[in-house]
């Protein structure tokens, strides 16, 4: 399959875009708006002359980030444009040729300066192919090694992947803590779990493929897990919303490999009416996803883009991400979704997905097609 032109390869159907929009968030910690590391006067002056920064993102409910950036740099207007993950990936090939886009139908086509997406593998593929420009952000020095790649791309959030359940229908003690326990649970009562487990379809969901490919890397018994899941006639989703709704309604008793950050948002947002969903972090290993940020090589406002990157990676910017229940990759922030907090619960079982060549390797056509073929026949293996 041609990832550059075939959007069906990794279609993530409003997975990260729709759920975050409009969510109720906890307030960010109060402090005066100031950058963690002061940018140079020359950089600020150049960014002020540009006057704006265009952020392409699949997460648009970031008003706190925009407002605080304006306080820091009143001469620069941050403009956020919402995308689904795969269309954003496709658009970047066109923008490299100078073709602008109008994703929100505003009537004014623009080109993206900074690209911020939950499609970790797609982001890395663009970076590896030369569609990002380098920037030695001083804030990147506060990031762990797995969260940055050659001054070109940075992980910005810390979002654990876990088992999701309805706390009114299932006791927390009955939720499996490991994948081996999941297999045992299904084998001991197959009738109970028939059509009662939901997981992403890796063929339709880019996130689903990313997570299952990472499962395969971390679990020598992965295909035993796949066989058990497929034997239940799982509800195969292409987006989180439908899976969470099934769990809220009791149609599914368990969700496999779902975003715990979204569970936190869903259960706290009255508008979504899903207060009963909860999560468990697997003790054998818990994958950690992150939203990857880079500056487009074709960015019309590269200096303002650099200031945005600095802010997103700064303590202040990371606090705002925590306010959205998206966690922080820094170790100087206190939040439920940080390496320190997760390590207290799991020790070394937390497995962040690194921003590295591994992401691009798993997108190779031969490897992806081989995986999907085995996944389709897993129940009969």
Protein backbone atom coordinates (compact mmCIF):
# COMPACT_ATOMS: atom_id res chain seq x y z
CA UNK A 1 0.00 0.00 0.00
CA UNK A 2 1.12 3.55 -0.72
CA UNK A 3 0.91 5.47 2.57
CA UNK A 4 1.61 8.76 0.82
CA UNK A 5 -1.51 8.68 -1.31
CA UNK A 6 -3.86 6.10 0.18
CA UNK A 7 -5.72 7.55 3.13
CA UNK A 8 -7.32 4.21 3.93
CA UNK A 9 -3.99 2.83 5.11
CA UNK A 10 -4.18 4.44 8.49
CA UNK A 11 -7.64 5.94 8.88
CA UNK A 12 -8.13 7.12 12.44
CA UNK A 13 -11.76 8.22 12.13
CA UNK A 14 -12.02 11.17 14.51
CA UNK A 15 -10.19 9.09 17.02
CA UNK A 16 -8.28 11.90 18.64
CA UNK A 17 -10.06 14.87 17.15
CA UNK A 18 -13.70 14.56 18.10
CA UNK A 19 -13.39 13.28 21.63
CA UNK A 20 -11.13 15.98 23.00
CA UNK A 21 -13.18 18.81 21.49
CA UNK A 22 -15.42 20.37 24.08
CA UNK A 23 -14.17 18.33 27.03
CA UNK A 24 -14.35 19.67 30.55
CA UNK A 25 -10.90 20.05 32.02
CA UNK A 26 -9.38 20.67 35.37
CA UNK A 27 -7.83 24.14 35.80
CA UNK A 28 -4.14 24.56 35.20
CA UNK A 29 -1.89 25.47 38.10
CA UNK A 30 -1.89 29.21 38.78
CA UNK A 31 1.31 31.11 38.10
CA UNK A 32 2.44 34.11 36.12
CA UNK A 33 2.80 33.51 32.39
CA UNK A 34 6.49 33.38 31.65
CA UNK A 35 8.64 31.16 29.49
CA UNK A 36 10.78 28.55 31.26
CA UNK A 37 13.87 29.49 29.22
CA UNK A 38 13.84 33.01 27.84
CA UNK A 39 14.09 33.02 24.02
CA UNK A 40 16.55 35.38 22.43
CA UNK A 41 15.45 38.92 21.67
CA UNK A 42 16.31 38.34 18.01
CA UNK A 43 14.01 35.31 17.80
CA UNK A 44 11.13 37.19 19.42
CA UNK A 45 11.63 40.18 17.14
CA UNK A 46 11.64 37.96 14.05
CA UNK A 47 8.52 36.15 15.25
CA UNK A 48 6.77 39.46 15.93
CA UNK A 49 7.46 40.52 12.36
CA UNK A 50 5.78 37.33 11.16
CA UNK A 51 2.84 38.13 13.43
CA UNK A 52 1.15 34.73 13.47
CA UNK A 53 1.72 31.00 13.87
CA UNK A 54 -0.56 28.41 12.25
CA UNK A 55 -0.94 25.20 14.24
CA UNK A 56 -2.22 22.13 12.40
CA UNK A 57 -3.66 19.79 15.01
CA UNK A 58 -6.05 16.91 15.55
CA UNK A 59 -6.62 18.30 19.06
CA UNK A 60 -8.32 21.69 18.95
CA UNK A 61 -9.70 22.11 22.48
CA UNK A 62 -6.56 23.87 23.67
CA UNK A 63 -7.86 27.32 24.51
CA UNK A 64 -5.64 27.50 27.58
CA UNK A 65 -2.54 26.97 25.45
CA UNK A 66 -3.57 29.64 22.96
CA UNK A 67 -4.48 32.18 25.62
CA UNK A 68 -1.29 31.76 27.57
CA UNK A 69 0.85 31.94 24.43
CA UNK A 70 -0.84 35.27 23.62
CA UNK A 71 0.06 36.53 27.09
CA UNK A 72 3.67 35.55 26.57
CA UNK A 73 3.90 36.94 23.03
CA UNK A 74 1.18 39.55 22.42
CA UNK A 75 2.67 40.38 19.02
CA UNK A 76 1.93 36.89 17.68
CA UNK A 77 -1.52 35.47 16.97
CA UNK A 78 -1.75 31.66 17.29
CA UNK A 79 -4.25 30.16 14.83
CA UNK A 80 -5.25 26.53 15.25
CA UNK A 81 -6.67 24.49 12.37
CA UNK A 82 -8.34 21.16 13.06
CA UNK A 83 -7.69 18.01 11.06
CA UNK A 84 -8.28 14.30 11.21
CA UNK A 85 -5.01 12.42 11.39
CA UNK A 86 -4.78 10.87 7.94
CA UNK A 87 -5.94 13.94 5.94
CA UNK A 88 -3.35 15.98 7.85
CA UNK A 89 -0.67 13.47 6.92
CA UNK A 90 -1.70 13.60 3.26
CA UNK A 91 -1.85 17.40 3.22
CA UNK A 92 1.76 17.80 4.30
CA UNK A 93 3.02 16.27 1.06
CA UNK A 94 1.04 18.89 -0.86
CA UNK A 95 2.10 21.80 1.33
CA UNK A 96 5.72 20.87 0.74
CA UNK A 97 4.96 21.73 -2.89
CA UNK A 98 3.47 25.11 -1.89
CA UNK A 99 -0.20 24.06 -1.99
CA UNK A 100 -2.18 25.69 0.88
CA UNK A 101 -5.27 24.22 2.56
CA UNK A 102 -8.50 25.34 4.17
CA UNK A 103 -9.32 22.50 6.59
CA UNK A 104 -12.06 24.34 8.51
CA UNK A 105 -13.64 25.90 5.38
CA UNK A 106 -12.89 29.43 6.57
CA UNK A 107 -12.48 30.70 3.02
CA UNK A 108 -8.83 31.56 3.60
CA UNK A 109 -6.35 28.82 2.67
CA UNK A 110 -3.25 28.67 4.86
CA UNK A 111 -0.14 26.57 5.30
CA UNK A 112 0.83 24.93 8.58
CA UNK A 113 3.80 26.10 10.62
CA UNK A 114 3.75 23.50 13.38
CA UNK A 115 2.21 20.06 12.98
CA UNK A 116 0.84 18.37 16.12
CA UNK A 117 -0.70 14.96 15.73
CA UNK A 118 -1.52 11.82 17.67
CA UNK A 119 -0.51 9.73 14.67
CA UNK A 120 2.96 9.04 16.04
CA UNK A 121 4.02 6.77 13.20
CA UNK A 122 2.70 9.08 10.47
CA UNK A 123 4.39 12.07 12.05
CA UNK A 124 7.70 10.26 12.25
CA UNK A 125 7.42 9.10 8.65
CA UNK A 126 7.05 12.71 7.49
CA UNK A 127 9.98 13.79 9.64
CA UNK A 128 12.18 10.93 8.42
CA UNK A 129 11.37 11.81 4.81
CA UNK A 130 12.58 15.37 5.26
CA UNK A 131 9.35 17.34 5.78
CA UNK A 132 10.46 18.90 9.09
CA UNK A 133 12.97 21.65 9.77
CA UNK A 134 15.41 21.39 12.69
CA UNK A 135 15.25 23.52 15.79
CA UNK A 136 17.43 23.21 18.88
CA UNK A 137 14.77 24.12 21.44
CA UNK A 138 16.27 24.82 24.87
CA UNK A 139 13.13 23.32 26.43
CA UNK A 140 13.83 19.97 24.77
CA UNK A 141 16.66 19.45 27.24
CA UNK A 142 14.00 18.76 29.88
CA UNK A 143 12.52 15.89 27.86
CA UNK A 144 13.51 12.22 28.21
CA UNK A 145 15.51 10.69 25.39
CA UNK A 146 12.57 8.67 24.02
CA UNK A 147 10.53 11.86 23.54
CA UNK A 148 12.74 13.64 21.00
CA UNK A 149 14.33 12.91 17.67
CA UNK A 150 17.34 14.80 16.26
CA UNK A 151 16.02 18.32 17.02
CA UNK A 152 13.25 17.55 14.53
CA UNK A 153 10.32 16.06 16.46
CA UNK A 154 9.14 16.00 20.05
CA UNK A 155 6.63 13.99 22.05
CA UNK A 156 4.42 16.34 24.05
CA UNK A 157 1.93 14.24 26.06
CA UNK A 158 1.97 11.14 28.29
CA UNK A 159 -1.10 9.00 27.66
CA UNK A 160 -1.24 5.45 29.03
CA UNK A 161 -3.10 2.69 27.21
CA UNK A 162 -5.19 0.34 29.33
CA UNK A 163 -8.21 -1.88 29.82
CA UNK A 164 -11.50 0.05 30.04
CA UNK A 165 -14.66 -1.16 31.79
CA UNK A 166 -18.02 -0.02 33.18
CA UNK A 167 -17.59 0.39 36.93
CA UNK A 168 -21.32 -0.11 37.58
CA UNK A 169 -21.35 -3.46 35.80
CA UNK A 170 -17.90 -4.83 36.62
CA UNK A 171 -15.96 -4.74 39.87
CA UNK A 172 -12.48 -3.34 39.48
CA UNK A 173 -11.08 -6.46 41.14
CA UNK A 174 -12.52 -8.56 38.31
CA UNK A 175 -10.74 -6.61 35.56
CA UNK A 176 -7.63 -8.47 34.35
CA UNK A 177 -4.30 -6.92 35.30
CA UNK A 178 -2.22 -8.70 32.69
CA UNK A 179 -2.73 -10.04 29.20
CA UNK A 180 -2.22 -13.56 30.50
CA UNK A 181 -5.09 -12.94 32.91
CA UNK A 182 -7.17 -11.62 30.02
CA UNK A 183 -6.63 -14.85 28.08
CA UNK A 184 -7.59 -16.89 31.15
CA UNK A 185 -10.70 -14.80 31.76
CA UNK A 186 -11.94 -15.36 28.22
CA UNK A 187 -11.11 -19.08 28.16
CA UNK A 188 -12.90 -19.75 31.45
CA UNK A 189 -16.15 -18.12 30.37
CA UNK A 190 -16.30 -17.73 26.58
CA UNK A 191 -20.08 -17.34 26.47
CA UNK A 192 -20.00 -14.40 28.89
CA UNK A 193 -17.52 -12.47 26.75
CA UNK A 194 -18.89 -13.34 23.33
CA UNK A 195 -19.52 -10.00 21.59
CA UNK A 196 -18.67 -8.26 24.88
CA UNK A 197 -15.12 -7.03 24.22
CA UNK A 198 -14.17 -4.08 22.04
CA UNK A 199 -10.80 -3.28 20.48
CA UNK A 200 -9.55 -1.21 17.57
CA UNK A 201 -9.60 -2.71 14.11
CA UNK A 202 -5.94 -2.34 13.00
CA UNK A 203 -7.00 -2.23 9.36
CA UNK A 204 -9.35 0.72 9.83
CA UNK A 205 -7.68 2.51 12.74
CA UNK A 206 -4.17 3.90 12.55
CA UNK A 207 -4.03 4.03 16.33
CA UNK A 208 -5.20 0.44 16.51
CA UNK A 209 -2.42 -0.70 14.20
CA UNK A 210 0.18 1.38 16.06
CA UNK A 211 -0.79 -0.08 19.45
CA UNK A 212 -1.07 -3.68 18.30
CA UNK A 213 2.27 -3.43 16.51
CA UNK A 214 3.77 -2.18 19.77
CA UNK A 215 2.06 -5.06 21.61
CA UNK A 216 3.80 -7.45 19.27
CA UNK A 217 7.16 -5.85 20.09
CA UNK A 218 6.58 -6.06 23.85
CA UNK A 219 4.81 -9.40 24.22
CA UNK A 220 6.25 -12.73 22.94
CA UNK A 221 2.77 -14.24 23.48
CA UNK A 222 1.01 -11.54 21.51
CA UNK A 223 -0.64 -13.91 19.05
CA UNK A 224 -2.17 -15.84 21.95
CA UNK A 225 -3.77 -12.57 23.05
CA UNK A 226 -4.94 -11.90 19.50
CA UNK A 227 -6.44 -15.38 19.25
CA UNK A 228 -8.32 -14.92 22.53
CA UNK A 229 -9.64 -11.50 21.53
CA UNK A 230 -10.73 -12.62 18.07
CA UNK A 231 -12.45 -15.69 19.53
CA UNK A 232 -14.91 -13.42 21.34
CA UNK A 233 -16.25 -11.92 18.12
CA UNK A 234 -14.90 -8.56 19.26
CA UNK A 235 -16.53 -5.28 18.33
CA UNK A 236 -13.82 -3.83 16.09
CA UNK A 237 -13.87 -0.05 16.30
CA UNK A 238 -12.27 2.62 14.14
CA UNK A 239 -12.70 5.40 16.73
CA UNK A 240 -12.76 5.68 20.51
CA UNK A 241 -16.20 7.27 20.77
CA UNK A 242 -18.17 4.21 19.67
CA UNK A 243 -16.12 1.93 21.90
CA UNK A 244 -16.59 4.11 24.97
CA UNK A 245 -20.32 4.33 24.28
CA UNK A 246 -20.61 0.54 24.06
CA UNK A 247 -18.88 0.21 27.42
CA UNK A 248 -21.04 2.94 28.97
CA UNK A 249 -24.19 1.20 27.66
CA UNK A 250 -23.06 -2.23 28.84
CA UNK A 251 -22.89 -3.67 25.33
CA UNK A 252 -19.19 -4.36 25.90
CA UNK A 253 -17.81 -5.45 29.25
CA UNK A 254 -14.21 -4.65 28.44
CA UNK A 255 -12.22 -2.44 26.07
CA UNK A 256 -8.72 -3.52 25.09
CA UNK A 257 -5.89 -1.04 24.34
CA UNK A 258 -7.86 2.18 24.83
CA UNK A 259 -6.62 5.64 25.80
CA UNK A 260 -6.85 6.26 29.54
CA UNK A 261 -6.53 10.01 28.98
CA UNK A 262 -9.82 9.94 27.10
CA UNK A 263 -11.41 7.86 29.84
CA UNK A 264 -10.50 10.61 32.30
CA UNK A 265 -12.07 13.21 30.01
CA UNK A 266 -15.16 11.14 29.23
CA UNK A 267 -16.00 10.36 32.85
CA UNK A 268 -15.64 14.03 33.88
CA UNK A 269 -17.53 15.62 30.99
CA UNK A 270 -21.30 15.77 31.66
CA UNK A 271 -21.99 16.62 28.01
CA UNK A 272 -20.72 13.20 26.91
CA UNK A 273 -22.92 11.38 29.44
CA UNK A 274 -20.38 8.60 29.99
CA UNK A 275 -19.68 8.84 33.74
CA UNK A 276 -19.38 5.11 34.39
CA UNK A 277 -16.32 4.18 32.36
CA UNK A 278 -13.06 3.53 34.20
CA UNK A 279 -9.67 2.06 33.40
CA UNK A 280 -7.01 -0.31 34.68
CA UNK A 281 -3.34 -0.06 33.74
CA UNK A 282 -1.95 -3.50 32.78
CA UNK A 283 0.79 -4.63 35.15
CA UNK A 284 2.70 -6.74 32.63
CA UNK A 285 3.27 -3.61 30.56
CA UNK A 286 1.38 -0.40 29.83
CA UNK A 287 2.05 1.33 26.54
CA UNK A 288 2.37 5.13 26.66
CA UNK A 289 1.27 7.13 23.61
CA UNK A 290 2.17 10.74 22.88
CA UNK A 291 1.21 13.48 20.44
CA UNK A 292 4.18 14.37 18.25
CA UNK A 293 5.09 17.95 17.30
CA UNK A 294 7.36 19.24 14.55
CA UNK A 295 7.97 22.43 12.53
CA UNK A 296 7.03 22.05 8.87
CA UNK A 297 9.90 22.55 6.43
CA UNK A 298 7.48 24.69 4.40
CA UNK A 299 6.42 26.80 7.42
CA UNK A 300 5.62 30.41 6.37
CA UNK A 301 6.28 31.61 9.93
CA UNK A 302 9.28 29.58 11.13
CA UNK A 303 10.34 31.93 13.93
CA UNK A 304 6.89 32.07 15.50
CA UNK A 305 6.79 28.28 15.11
CA UNK A 306 9.97 28.00 17.17
CA UNK A 307 8.41 30.03 19.96
CA UNK A 308 5.35 27.76 19.88
CA UNK A 309 7.56 24.68 20.19
CA UNK A 310 9.40 26.26 23.12
CA UNK A 311 6.12 27.01 24.83
CA UNK A 312 4.61 23.55 24.24
CA UNK A 313 7.68 21.88 25.74
CA UNK A 314 7.99 24.35 28.63
CA UNK A 315 6.70 23.66 32.11
CA UNK A 316 3.88 26.14 31.59
CA UNK A 317 2.78 24.53 28.34
CA UNK A 318 3.01 21.06 29.84
CA UNK A 319 0.86 22.17 32.77
CA UNK A 320 -1.79 23.26 30.31
CA UNK A 321 -1.68 19.84 28.65
CA UNK A 322 -2.14 18.24 32.05
CA UNK A 323 -5.21 20.43 32.48
CA UNK A 324 -6.59 18.62 29.42
CA UNK A 325 -5.83 15.23 31.05
CA UNK A 326 -3.18 14.61 28.39
CA UNK A 327 -0.26 14.32 30.80
CA UNK A 328 3.30 15.60 30.61
CA UNK A 329 6.58 14.20 29.33
CA UNK A 330 8.55 16.37 31.77
CA UNK A 331 9.69 15.10 35.15
CA UNK A 332 9.19 18.42 37.00
CA UNK A 333 5.38 18.33 36.86
CA UNK A 334 2.97 16.62 39.25
CA UNK A 335 0.02 14.94 37.53
CA UNK A 336 -1.69 11.55 37.27
CA UNK A 337 -0.34 11.09 33.76
CA UNK A 338 3.43 11.51 34.14
CA UNK A 339 6.29 9.05 34.19
CA UNK A 340 6.75 9.54 37.94
CA UNK A 341 3.08 8.94 38.75
CA UNK A 342 2.74 5.91 36.49
CA UNK A 343 6.00 4.46 37.78
CA UNK A 344 4.65 4.57 41.34
CA UNK A 345 1.83 2.29 40.18
CA UNK A 346 3.67 0.06 37.72
CA UNK A 347 7.41 0.30 38.30
CA UNK A 348 9.18 -0.47 35.04
CA UNK A 349 6.03 -1.75 33.35
CA UNK A 350 5.36 1.63 31.72
CA UNK A 351 6.54 1.44 28.10
CA UNK A 352 6.57 4.81 26.29
CA UNK A 353 6.44 4.45 22.52
CA UNK A 354 9.68 6.14 21.41
CA UNK A 355 9.86 8.77 18.71
CA UNK A 356 12.25 6.68 16.65
CA UNK A 357 12.79 4.75 13.44
CA UNK A 358 10.73 1.88 14.89
CA UNK A 359 7.60 3.85 14.05
CA UNK A 360 8.47 4.09 10.38
CA UNK A 361 9.61 0.47 10.24
CA UNK A 362 6.19 -0.76 11.34
CA UNK A 363 4.55 1.21 8.51
CA UNK A 364 6.41 -0.66 5.79
CA UNK A 365 3.88 -2.21 3.46
CA UNK A 366 5.23 -5.75 3.71
CA UNK A 367 5.32 -5.69 7.51
CA UNK A 368 1.88 -4.12 7.84
CA UNK A 369 0.26 -6.49 5.34
CA UNK A 370 1.82 -9.50 7.05
CA UNK A 371 0.51 -8.33 10.41
CA UNK A 372 -3.02 -7.71 9.11
CA UNK A 373 -3.12 -11.09 7.46
CA UNK A 374 -2.18 -12.83 10.69
CA UNK A 375 -4.64 -10.70 12.68
CA UNK A 376 -7.54 -11.65 10.40
CA UNK A 377 -6.90 -15.36 10.91
CA UNK A 378 -5.90 -15.15 14.59
CA UNK A 379 -9.03 -16.91 15.90
CA UNK A 380 -8.29 -19.98 13.79
CA UNK A 381 -4.59 -20.23 14.65
